[in-house]
C-alpha atoms as a PDB file:
ATOM      1  CA  MET A   1      11.102  49.355  26.385  1.00  0.00           C
ATOM      2  CA  MET A   2      10.450  48.310  22.733  1.00  0.00           C
ATOM      3  CA  TRP A   3      11.869  50.505  20.036  1.00  0.00           C
ATOM      4  CA  THR A   4      10.291  50.610  16.614  1.00  0.00           C
ATOM      5  CA  TRP A   5      10.239  52.810  13.739  1.00  0.00           C
ATOM      6  CA  CYS A   6       7.493  54.140  11.506  1.00  0.00           C
ATOM      7  CA  GLY A   7       7.519  55.487   7.933  1.00  0.00           C
ATOM      8  CA  GLY A   8       4.918  56.607   5.471  1.00  0.00           C
ATOM      9  CA  CYS A   9       4.330  58.143   1.981  1.00  0.00           C
ATOM     10  CA  CYS A  10       1.132  59.951   0.933  1.00  0.00           C
ATOM     11  CA  TRP A  11      -1.598  57.753  -0.429  1.00  0.00           C
ATOM     12  CA  ARG A  12      -3.454  59.928  -2.997  1.00  0.00           C
ATOM     13  CA  SER A  13      -5.487  62.534  -1.089  1.00  0.00           C
ATOM     14  CA  ASN A  14      -5.371  60.882   2.390  1.00  0.00           C
ATOM     15  CA  SER A  15      -3.729  63.701   4.390  1.00  0.00           C
ATOM     16  CA  GLU A  16      -3.875  61.496   7.583  1.00  0.00           C
ATOM     17  CA  THR A  17      -1.325  59.009   6.148  1.00  0.00           C
ATOM     18  CA  TRP A  18       1.183  61.861   5.611  1.00  0.00           C
ATOM     19  CA  THR A  19       1.238  62.767   9.297  1.00  0.00           C
ATOM     20  CA  ILE A  20       0.635  59.427  11.148  1.00  0.00           C
ATOM     21  CA  CYS A  21       4.287  58.566  11.564  1.00  0.00           C
ATOM     22  CA  LEU A  22       5.343  61.913  13.009  1.00  0.00           C
ATOM     23  CA  LEU A  23       2.044  61.921  15.190  1.00  0.00           C
ATOM     24  CA  THR A  24       3.020  58.424  16.471  1.00  0.00           C
ATOM     25  CA  ALA A  25       6.551  59.633  17.349  1.00  0.00           C
ATOM     26  CA  GLY A  26       4.987  62.383  19.556  1.00  0.00           C
ATOM     27  CA  LEU A  27       2.351  60.289  21.105  1.00  0.00           C
ATOM     28  CA  GLN A  28       4.510  57.312  21.811  1.00  0.00           C
ATOM     29  CA  PRO A  29       7.955  59.064  22.467  1.00  0.00           C
ATOM     30  CA  ASP A  30       9.327  55.985  24.392  1.00  0.00           C
ATOM     31  CA  GLY A  31       8.442  53.627  21.870  1.00  0.00           C
ATOM     32  CA  VAL A  32       9.431  55.142  18.429  1.00  0.00           C
ATOM     33  CA  ALA A  33      13.037  55.442  17.811  1.00  0.00           C
ATOM     34  CA  ALA A  34      12.761  56.751  14.165  1.00  0.00           C
ATOM     35  CA  ALA A  35      10.057  58.154  11.943  1.00  0.00           C
ATOM     36  CA  ALA A  36      10.186  59.062   8.277  1.00  0.00           C
ATOM     37  CA  SER A  37       7.714  60.902   6.088  1.00  0.00           C
ATOM     38  CA  PHE A  38       8.228  60.864   2.279  1.00  0.00           C
ATOM     39  CA  HIS A  39       6.426  63.505   0.097  1.00  0.00           C
ATOM     40  CA  GLY A  40       4.192  64.079   3.095  1.00  0.00           C
ATOM     41  CA  GLY A  41       2.180  67.138   3.759  1.00  0.00           C
ATOM     42  CA  TYR A  42       0.371  69.189   6.490  1.00  0.00           C
ATOM     43  CA  LEU A  43       3.154  68.283   8.850  1.00  0.00           C
ATOM     44  CA  ALA A  44       3.276  71.860  10.423  1.00  0.00           C
ATOM     45  CA  ALA A  45      -0.017  73.261   9.622  1.00  0.00           C
ATOM     46  CA  GLU A  46      -0.290  76.272  12.152  1.00  0.00           C
ATOM     47  CA  GLU A  47      -4.155  76.227  12.039  1.00  0.00           C
ATOM     48  CA  ASN A  48      -4.391  72.570  13.021  1.00  0.00           C
ATOM     49  CA  PRO A  49      -4.094  71.929  16.663  1.00  0.00           C
ATOM     50  CA  ASP A  50      -3.381  68.263  15.810  1.00  0.00           C
ATOM     51  CA  SER A  51      -0.452  68.948  13.558  1.00  0.00           C
ATOM     52  CA  PRO A  52       2.563  66.773  14.212  1.00  0.00           C
ATOM     53  CA  HIS A  53       4.781  69.868  14.824  1.00  0.00           C
ATOM     54  CA  GLN A  54       2.844  70.508  17.982  1.00  0.00           C
ATOM     55  CA  LEU A  55       4.366  67.314  19.430  1.00  0.00           C
ATOM     56  CA  ALA A  56       7.958  68.005  18.462  1.00  0.00           C
ATOM     57  CA  SER A  57       9.050  68.961  22.100  1.00  0.00           C
ATOM     58  CA  VAL A  58       7.979  65.349  23.297  1.00  0.00           C
ATOM     59  CA  MET A  59       9.331  63.372  20.467  1.00  0.00           C
ATOM     60  CA  GLY A  60      12.196  61.063  21.234  1.00  0.00           C
ATOM     61  CA  ALA A  61      12.540  59.754  17.665  1.00  0.00           C
ATOM     62  CA  GLU A  62      14.957  60.778  14.984  1.00  0.00           C
ATOM     63  CA  ILE A  63      12.906  62.265  12.192  1.00  0.00           C
ATOM     64  CA  TYR A  64      13.483  62.251   8.532  1.00  0.00           C
ATOM     65  CA  VAL A  65      11.210  64.233   6.261  1.00  0.00           C
ATOM     66  CA  ALA A  66      11.559  64.184   2.451  1.00  0.00           C
ATOM     67  CA  VAL A  67       9.331  66.416   0.414  1.00  0.00           C
ATOM     68  CA  ALA A  68       8.943  67.064  -3.364  1.00  0.00           C
ATOM     69  CA  ALA A  69      10.044  70.215  -4.908  1.00  0.00           C
ATOM     70  CA  ASN A  70       6.530  70.857  -5.993  1.00  0.00           C
ATOM     71  CA  GLY A  71       4.734  69.465  -2.967  1.00  0.00           C
ATOM     72  CA  PRO A  72       1.552  71.404  -2.632  1.00  0.00           C
ATOM     73  CA  THR A  73       0.800  70.288   0.838  1.00  0.00           C
ATOM     74  CA  PHE A  74       4.034  71.383   2.540  1.00  0.00           C
ATOM     75  CA  PRO A  75       4.757  75.043   1.604  1.00  0.00           C
ATOM     76  CA  ALA A  76       7.842  76.878   2.612  1.00  0.00           C
ATOM     77  CA  GLU A  77       6.259  78.348   5.778  1.00  0.00           C
ATOM     78  CA  GLN A  78       5.395  74.854   7.046  1.00  0.00           C
ATOM     79  CA  GLU A  79       8.923  73.599   6.366  1.00  0.00           C
ATOM     80  CA  GLN A  80      10.385  76.596   8.318  1.00  0.00           C
ATOM     81  CA  ARG A  81       7.967  76.030  11.104  1.00  0.00           C
ATOM     82  CA  LEU A  82       8.793  72.239  11.240  1.00  0.00           C
ATOM     83  CA  GLU A  83      12.468  72.829  11.047  1.00  0.00           C
ATOM     84  CA  SER A  84      12.414  75.372  13.865  1.00  0.00           C
ATOM     85  CA  VAL A  85      10.443  73.081  16.348  1.00  0.00           C
ATOM     86  CA  LEU A  86      12.366  70.045  15.379  1.00  0.00           C
ATOM     87  CA  THR A  87      15.800  71.846  15.855  1.00  0.00           C
ATOM     88  CA  GLU A  88      14.852  72.498  19.403  1.00  0.00           C
ATOM     89  CA  ALA A  89      13.771  68.955  20.117  1.00  0.00           C
ATOM     90  CA  VAL A  90      15.422  66.060  18.125  1.00  0.00           C
ATOM     91  CA  ARG A  91      17.881  64.937  15.654  1.00  0.00           C
ATOM     92  CA  HIS A  92      16.306  65.464  12.272  1.00  0.00           C
ATOM     93  CA  THR A  93      16.643  65.911   8.541  1.00  0.00           C
ATOM     94  CA  ILE A  94      14.269  67.725   6.196  1.00  0.00           C
ATOM     95  CA  GLU A  95      15.158  67.465   2.528  1.00  0.00           C
ATOM     96  CA  THR A  96      13.576  68.649  -0.536  1.00  0.00           C
ATOM     97  CA  TYR A  97      13.970  66.216  -3.532  1.00  0.00           C
ATOM     98  CA  PRO A  98      14.244  67.696  -6.966  1.00  0.00           C
ATOM     99  CA  ALA A  99      11.298  65.666  -8.125  1.00  0.00           C
ATOM    100  CA  GLY A 100       7.365  65.708  -8.345  1.00  0.00           C
ATOM    101  CA  HIS A 101       5.110  64.844  -5.451  1.00  0.00           C
ATOM    102  CA  GLY A 102       4.732  60.983  -5.354  1.00  0.00           C
ATOM    103  CA  PHE A 103       8.290  60.523  -6.514  1.00  0.00           C
ATOM    104  CA  ALA A 104       8.822  57.127  -4.878  1.00  0.00           C
ATOM    105  CA  VAL A 105       5.628  55.397  -6.012  1.00  0.00           C
ATOM    106  CA  PRO A 106       6.291  53.377  -9.223  1.00  0.00           C
ATOM    107  CA  ASP A 107       2.819  53.432 -10.549  1.00  0.00           C
ATOM    108  CA  ASN A 108       2.525  57.219  -9.946  1.00  0.00           C
ATOM    109  CA  PRO A 109       2.834  59.570 -13.045  1.00  0.00           C
ATOM    110  CA  THR A 110       5.486  61.588 -11.202  1.00  0.00           C
ATOM    111  CA  TYR A 111       7.528  58.518 -10.310  1.00  0.00           C
ATOM    112  CA  ASP A 112      11.320  59.333 -10.385  1.00  0.00           C
ATOM    113  CA  PRO A 113      13.648  56.241 -10.230  1.00  0.00           C
ATOM    114  CA  ASN A 114      16.523  58.494  -8.919  1.00  0.00           C
ATOM    115  CA  ALA A 115      14.367  59.998  -6.167  1.00  0.00           C
ATOM    116  CA  GLU A 116      13.059  56.545  -5.269  1.00  0.00           C
ATOM    117  CA  GLN A 117      16.587  55.324  -4.942  1.00  0.00           C
ATOM    118  CA  ARG A 118      17.538  58.290  -2.786  1.00  0.00           C
ATOM    119  CA  HIS A 119      14.517  57.737  -0.539  1.00  0.00           C
ATOM    120  CA  TRP A 120      15.464  54.091  -0.050  1.00  0.00           C
ATOM    121  CA  GLU A 121      19.100  55.011   0.752  1.00  0.00           C
ATOM    122  CA  ALA A 122      17.926  57.775   3.279  1.00  0.00           C
ATOM    123  CA  LEU A 123      15.591  55.229   4.984  1.00  0.00           C
ATOM    124  CA  SER A 124      18.243  52.650   5.157  1.00  0.00           C
ATOM    125  CA  ASP A 125      20.611  55.258   6.680  1.00  0.00           C
ATOM    126  CA  LEU A 126      18.059  56.193   9.190  1.00  0.00           C
ATOM    127  CA  LEU A 127      17.233  52.671  10.157  1.00  0.00           C
ATOM    128  CA  SER A 128      20.903  51.891  10.540  1.00  0.00           C
ATOM    129  CA  ARG A 129      20.997  54.202  13.463  1.00  0.00           C
ATOM    130  CA  LEU A 130      18.250  52.451  15.388  1.00  0.00           C
ATOM    131  CA  PRO A 131      19.189  50.874  18.750  1.00  0.00           C
ATOM    132  CA  ARG A 132      20.089  47.225  18.592  1.00  0.00           C
ATOM    133  CA  SER A 133      18.525  44.924  21.102  1.00  0.00           C
END
C-alpha cells in the first residue's frame, strides 16, 4: 500500500479545487493518509450528493480543514455538519483562522502573513504524523 497526502487551497472561483482533497481521501481511503483544505468551501453542502462529507465514513486519512473567519462558501451549518460526520469517522481538525478568505496566497488582497505562517505550521504538523516507509 502506498500512502500519500493531498492538500489544496481555493483557486479564485473554482469550487472543485476546494473539495478535491477531501473527495480523494474518501474515494481512495487506502491510499491517502492525510488531507488538508485551506480556505475551502462547499465541504459539507447538504444539497450536493457529491459533497465530501458524504464520504466521511469511508475516509482513512487524517483531515485538516482551515477556513477563513469570513469564508462565504463554508457557513456555520456546513462546519457543524462536517464536524459531526468527521467526529464519527476519523482524526480531524477544523479551525477558523481570524483572517480573510484567501489568507495564505501572497498575491491575494486578503493575504495575511500570520495566517499563512499558521497554515504552513499546521500542514507541517499534519505531515509529520504520516506513516514512514
